[in-house]
């Protein structure tokens, strides 16, 4: 089974149909729908403002932003050309797509009024946020939603506590920035942002999302974990609670005059 985290981190040969199906399934999660409504409310561009959706994938939320704000200019950026090709199949007059690596965005400085991300910075070094800040006009706004794997809850089932703790540790180790959610307020403060606010969201996952992330990440690590995974996968297939993930929606405004400090 494919570890989908690898597919979102960079070119790994993960089939695009698997990434697409996973993104569509996540989009259907009731908890993620709440997150996206809150994210859209935080973005809320005025007429003529330029919005960047960084790490847009197949553009589900990007198209919604363009539809809800026809007088704004929305740009979706992603490093995966195949995902962008799928995103571009349903064009809008106020919507553009750009293929670019968020680790080195070659876009004009101060070219956006609003920048948003969703489950993107957890795969990237802090320098990627510096690149996004460079693209934001002084006084511009960010709305960033990132998961925090330090706040993940896994159902123990019949396993020993130590087995579930190993599962949590392995999920934590699967991401470059497993504590991305809780780190956002400090990262923005260090870069001179003001009006910083953070709001946590927790949500349960469906069986396909469980299979793609939890099972795909943890399978075959050891025999006890495999037994626990099988038990939880059966529960997930029955629609029972198996896991809760938590993320942080962090908003802020770039100062009108500030030299960003180094991340600490």
Protein backbone atom coordinates (compact mmCIF):
# COMPACT_ATOMS: atom_id res chain seq x y z
CA UNK A 1 0.00 0.00 0.00
CA UNK A 2 1.24 3.47 -0.92
CA UNK A 3 2.31 5.91 1.80
CA UNK A 4 0.44 8.97 0.54
CA UNK A 5 2.58 11.29 2.66
CA UNK A 6 5.42 10.56 0.24
CA UNK A 7 3.23 11.51 -2.71
CA UNK A 8 2.51 14.92 -1.25
CA UNK A 9 6.11 15.59 -0.21
CA UNK A 10 7.51 15.31 -3.74
CA UNK A 11 7.72 13.25 -6.93
CA UNK A 12 7.82 9.63 -5.82
CA UNK A 13 5.85 7.72 -8.41
CA UNK A 14 2.65 7.74 -6.33
CA UNK A 15 -0.12 7.32 -8.93
CA UNK A 16 -2.01 10.54 -9.49
CA UNK A 17 -5.32 8.70 -9.29
CA UNK A 18 -4.49 7.65 -5.70
CA UNK A 19 -3.62 11.21 -4.71
CA UNK A 20 -6.77 12.53 -6.39
CA UNK A 21 -9.07 9.96 -4.76
CA UNK A 22 -7.54 10.72 -1.36
CA UNK A 23 -7.95 14.49 -1.75
CA UNK A 24 -11.57 14.05 -2.81
CA UNK A 25 -12.26 11.76 0.16
CA UNK A 26 -10.68 14.21 2.61
CA UNK A 27 -12.79 16.98 1.09
CA UNK A 28 -15.92 15.01 2.03
CA UNK A 29 -15.02 14.69 5.71
CA UNK A 30 -17.51 16.74 7.78
CA UNK A 31 -14.69 18.02 9.98
CA UNK A 32 -12.66 19.21 7.00
CA UNK A 33 -15.75 20.92 5.56
CA UNK A 34 -15.95 22.94 8.79
CA UNK A 35 -12.26 23.81 8.46
CA UNK A 36 -12.70 24.94 4.88
CA UNK A 37 -15.67 27.13 5.71
CA UNK A 38 -13.63 28.76 8.46
CA UNK A 39 -10.66 29.11 6.13
CA UNK A 40 -12.82 30.73 3.45
CA UNK A 41 -14.28 33.14 6.01
CA UNK A 42 -10.77 34.09 7.11
CA UNK A 43 -9.61 34.68 3.53
CA UNK A 44 -12.64 36.68 2.33
CA UNK A 45 -10.92 38.89 -0.27
CA UNK A 46 -12.27 42.27 -1.29
CA UNK A 47 -12.94 43.10 -4.93
CA UNK A 48 -9.69 43.29 -6.87
CA UNK A 49 -7.58 41.52 -4.22
CA UNK A 50 -5.17 38.79 -5.27
CA UNK A 51 -5.38 35.45 -3.44
CA UNK A 52 -2.76 32.69 -3.48
CA UNK A 53 -3.74 29.14 -2.56
CA UNK A 54 -0.32 27.60 -1.92
CA UNK A 55 -0.18 23.83 -2.35
CA UNK A 56 -3.59 23.71 -4.04
CA UNK A 57 -3.50 20.08 -5.23
CA UNK A 58 -6.47 19.43 -7.53
CA UNK A 59 -7.89 22.86 -6.68
CA UNK A 60 -11.08 21.94 -4.84
CA UNK A 61 -10.91 24.85 -2.38
CA UNK A 62 -9.22 27.11 -4.93
CA UNK A 63 -12.20 26.90 -7.30
CA UNK A 64 -14.59 27.54 -4.42
CA UNK A 65 -12.72 30.72 -3.54
CA UNK A 66 -12.87 31.86 -7.17
CA UNK A 67 -16.61 31.12 -7.35
CA UNK A 68 -17.42 32.82 -4.06
CA UNK A 69 -15.38 35.92 -4.92
CA UNK A 70 -15.74 36.55 -8.67
CA UNK A 71 -14.25 40.05 -8.33
CA UNK A 72 -11.04 38.72 -6.76
CA UNK A 73 -8.10 37.16 -8.62
CA UNK A 74 -7.27 33.66 -7.37
CA UNK A 75 -4.09 31.71 -8.13
CA UNK A 76 -3.46 28.08 -7.25
CA UNK A 77 0.14 26.90 -6.94
CA UNK A 78 1.36 23.32 -6.67
CA UNK A 79 4.55 21.43 -7.54
CA UNK A 80 2.67 18.44 -9.02
CA UNK A 81 1.93 19.02 -12.70
CA UNK A 82 -0.51 16.10 -12.88
CA UNK A 83 -2.63 17.43 -10.03
CA UNK A 84 -2.62 20.89 -11.61
CA UNK A 85 -3.76 19.41 -14.92
CA UNK A 86 -6.78 17.97 -13.13
CA UNK A 87 -7.41 21.29 -11.38
CA UNK A 88 -7.32 23.13 -14.70
CA UNK A 89 -10.06 21.07 -16.33
CA UNK A 90 -12.74 23.37 -14.88
CA UNK A 91 -11.56 26.93 -15.66
CA UNK A 92 -12.78 30.24 -14.26
CA UNK A 93 -12.08 33.72 -15.67
CA UNK A 94 -10.65 34.91 -12.34
CA UNK A 95 -8.56 31.78 -11.70
CA UNK A 96 -4.99 30.90 -12.70
CA UNK A 97 -2.76 27.90 -12.06
CA UNK A 98 1.00 27.98 -11.59
CA UNK A 99 3.35 25.05 -11.26
CA UNK A 100 6.04 25.91 -8.71
CA UNK A 101 7.96 24.44 -5.80
CA UNK A 102 7.03 26.15 -2.54
CA UNK A 103 10.63 25.70 -1.41
CA UNK A 104 11.69 28.24 -4.02
CA UNK A 105 8.82 30.27 -5.42
CA UNK A 106 9.95 32.38 -8.36
CA UNK A 107 7.06 34.85 -8.29
CA UNK A 108 7.18 38.65 -7.96
CA UNK A 109 7.59 40.08 -4.47
CA UNK A 110 4.46 41.56 -2.87
CA UNK A 111 2.23 40.07 -5.57
CA UNK A 112 -0.63 38.83 -3.34
CA UNK A 113 -2.99 40.41 -0.82
CA UNK A 114 -4.03 37.13 0.81
CA UNK A 115 -2.24 33.78 1.06
CA UNK A 116 -3.76 30.55 2.35
CA UNK A 117 -2.54 27.00 2.87
CA UNK A 118 -4.19 23.80 4.03
CA UNK A 119 -2.10 20.82 5.20
CA UNK A 120 0.94 22.02 3.25
CA UNK A 121 3.54 23.56 5.58
CA UNK A 122 3.75 20.32 7.56
CA UNK A 123 5.70 18.89 4.60
CA UNK A 124 8.08 21.84 4.23
CA UNK A 125 10.94 23.57 6.05
CA UNK A 126 10.32 26.95 7.72
CA UNK A 127 12.08 28.65 4.81
CA UNK A 128 9.02 27.91 2.66
CA UNK A 129 6.98 30.22 4.90
CA UNK A 130 9.62 32.92 4.38
CA UNK A 131 9.07 32.53 0.64
CA UNK A 132 5.32 32.99 1.05
CA UNK A 133 5.79 36.05 3.26
CA UNK A 134 7.94 37.59 0.52
CA UNK A 135 4.98 37.30 -1.87
CA UNK A 136 2.60 39.05 0.52
CA UNK A 137 2.05 42.80 0.31
CA UNK A 138 2.77 44.77 3.50
CA UNK A 139 -0.49 44.68 5.42
CA UNK A 140 -1.55 41.51 3.60
CA UNK A 141 -3.21 38.57 5.35
CA UNK A 142 -2.55 34.86 5.77
CA UNK A 143 -4.92 32.02 6.69
CA UNK A 144 -3.01 28.79 7.35
CA UNK A 145 -4.45 25.45 8.43
CA UNK A 146 -1.93 22.80 9.46
CA UNK A 147 -2.29 19.48 11.24
CA UNK A 148 -0.58 18.78 14.55
CA UNK A 149 0.32 15.12 14.91
CA UNK A 150 1.22 15.67 18.55
CA UNK A 151 -2.53 15.98 19.19
CA UNK A 152 -3.66 12.88 17.30
CA UNK A 153 -5.92 10.43 19.18
CA UNK A 154 -5.86 6.76 18.22
CA UNK A 155 -8.29 4.18 19.57
CA UNK A 156 -6.44 1.50 21.57
CA UNK A 157 -8.73 -1.42 20.78
CA UNK A 158 -7.34 -4.54 22.43
CA UNK A 159 -3.67 -3.50 22.01
CA UNK A 160 -1.29 -2.68 24.83
CA UNK A 161 -0.76 1.03 25.44
CA UNK A 162 2.83 0.66 24.26
CA UNK A 163 1.63 -0.48 20.82
CA UNK A 164 -0.57 2.58 20.37
CA UNK A 165 2.27 4.79 21.56
CA UNK A 166 4.52 3.23 18.89
CA UNK A 167 1.84 3.96 16.30
CA UNK A 168 1.66 7.60 17.39
CA UNK A 169 5.45 7.91 17.32
CA UNK A 170 5.61 6.45 13.79
CA UNK A 171 2.93 8.83 12.51
CA UNK A 172 4.82 11.70 14.13
CA UNK A 173 8.05 10.62 12.40
CA UNK A 174 6.38 10.43 8.98
CA UNK A 175 6.22 14.23 8.63
CA UNK A 176 8.99 16.83 8.43
CA UNK A 177 6.87 19.18 10.59
CA UNK A 178 4.61 16.98 12.76
CA UNK A 179 3.89 19.87 15.15
CA UNK A 180 3.14 22.35 12.35
CA UNK A 181 -0.21 23.40 13.80
CA UNK A 182 1.03 24.52 17.21
CA UNK A 183 4.09 26.20 15.71
CA UNK A 184 2.17 28.56 13.43
CA UNK A 185 1.55 31.43 15.89
CA UNK A 186 5.23 31.60 16.85
CA UNK A 187 6.36 31.38 13.22
CA UNK A 188 4.15 34.31 12.26
CA UNK A 189 5.18 36.35 15.30
CA UNK A 190 8.85 35.82 14.47
CA UNK A 191 8.15 37.19 11.01
CA UNK A 192 6.57 40.38 12.29
CA UNK A 193 2.92 39.51 11.82
CA UNK A 194 0.22 41.19 13.88
CA UNK A 195 -3.44 40.34 14.68
CA UNK A 196 -2.44 36.70 15.07
CA UNK A 197 -5.25 34.33 16.04
CA UNK A 198 -5.27 30.54 16.31
CA UNK A 199 -8.29 28.23 16.36
CA UNK A 200 -8.04 24.43 16.79
CA UNK A 201 -10.16 21.93 14.87
CA UNK A 202 -10.46 18.20 15.57
CA UNK A 203 -12.09 15.72 13.22
CA UNK A 204 -12.52 11.99 12.70
CA UNK A 205 -11.58 10.23 9.46
CA UNK A 206 -13.28 7.84 7.07
CA UNK A 207 -12.01 4.38 6.18
CA UNK A 208 -10.32 5.51 2.91
CA UNK A 209 -8.50 8.32 4.73
CA UNK A 210 -7.50 5.92 7.53
CA UNK A 211 -6.21 3.48 4.91
CA UNK A 212 -4.26 6.12 3.01
CA UNK A 213 -2.53 7.79 5.94
CA UNK A 214 -2.56 5.61 9.05
CA UNK A 215 -2.48 2.14 7.49
CA UNK A 216 -0.24 3.26 4.62
CA UNK A 217 2.27 4.77 7.04
CA UNK A 218 2.33 2.09 9.73
CA UNK A 219 1.87 -1.24 7.97
CA UNK A 220 4.56 -3.89 8.42
CA UNK A 221 6.52 -2.01 11.11
CA UNK A 222 6.07 -4.90 13.56
CA UNK A 223 3.70 -7.78 14.29
CA UNK A 224 1.83 -6.14 17.18
CA UNK A 225 1.24 -3.00 15.14
CA UNK A 226 -0.08 -5.07 12.25
CA UNK A 227 -2.59 -6.77 14.56
CA UNK A 228 -3.69 -3.39 15.92
CA UNK A 229 -3.95 -1.98 12.37
CA UNK A 230 -6.11 -4.90 11.24
CA UNK A 231 -8.46 -4.42 14.21
CA UNK A 232 -8.74 -0.68 13.58
CA UNK A 233 -9.17 -1.12 9.82
CA UNK A 234 -12.09 -3.48 10.46
CA UNK A 235 -13.63 -0.89 12.79
CA UNK A 236 -13.11 1.85 10.21
CA UNK A 237 -14.82 -0.23 7.54
CA UNK A 238 -17.84 -0.50 9.87
CA UNK A 239 -17.93 3.28 10.22
CA UNK A 240 -16.90 3.27 13.87
CA UNK A 241 -14.65 5.87 15.51
CA UNK A 242 -10.99 5.01 15.00
CA UNK A 243 -8.98 8.21 15.06
CA UNK A 244 -9.20 11.95 15.58
CA UNK A 245 -6.78 14.40 14.03
CA UNK A 246 -6.30 17.97 15.19
CA UNK A 247 -5.13 21.01 13.30
CA UNK A 248 -4.78 24.73 13.86
CA UNK A 249 -6.21 27.51 11.71
CA UNK A 250 -3.91 30.47 12.20
CA UNK A 251 -4.52 33.92 10.78
CA UNK A 252 -2.42 37.06 10.84
CA UNK A 253 -1.50 40.27 9.06
CA UNK A 254 1.92 41.15 7.73
CA UNK A 255 3.29 44.31 9.29
CA UNK A 256 3.52 47.23 6.90
CA UNK A 257 7.21 47.67 7.70
CA UNK A 258 9.23 44.81 9.18
CA UNK A 259 12.36 42.84 8.47
CA UNK A 260 11.53 39.18 9.30
CA UNK A 261 13.67 37.70 12.06
CA UNK A 262 15.29 34.31 11.73
CA UNK A 263 13.12 31.37 12.77
CA UNK A 264 14.05 30.00 16.18
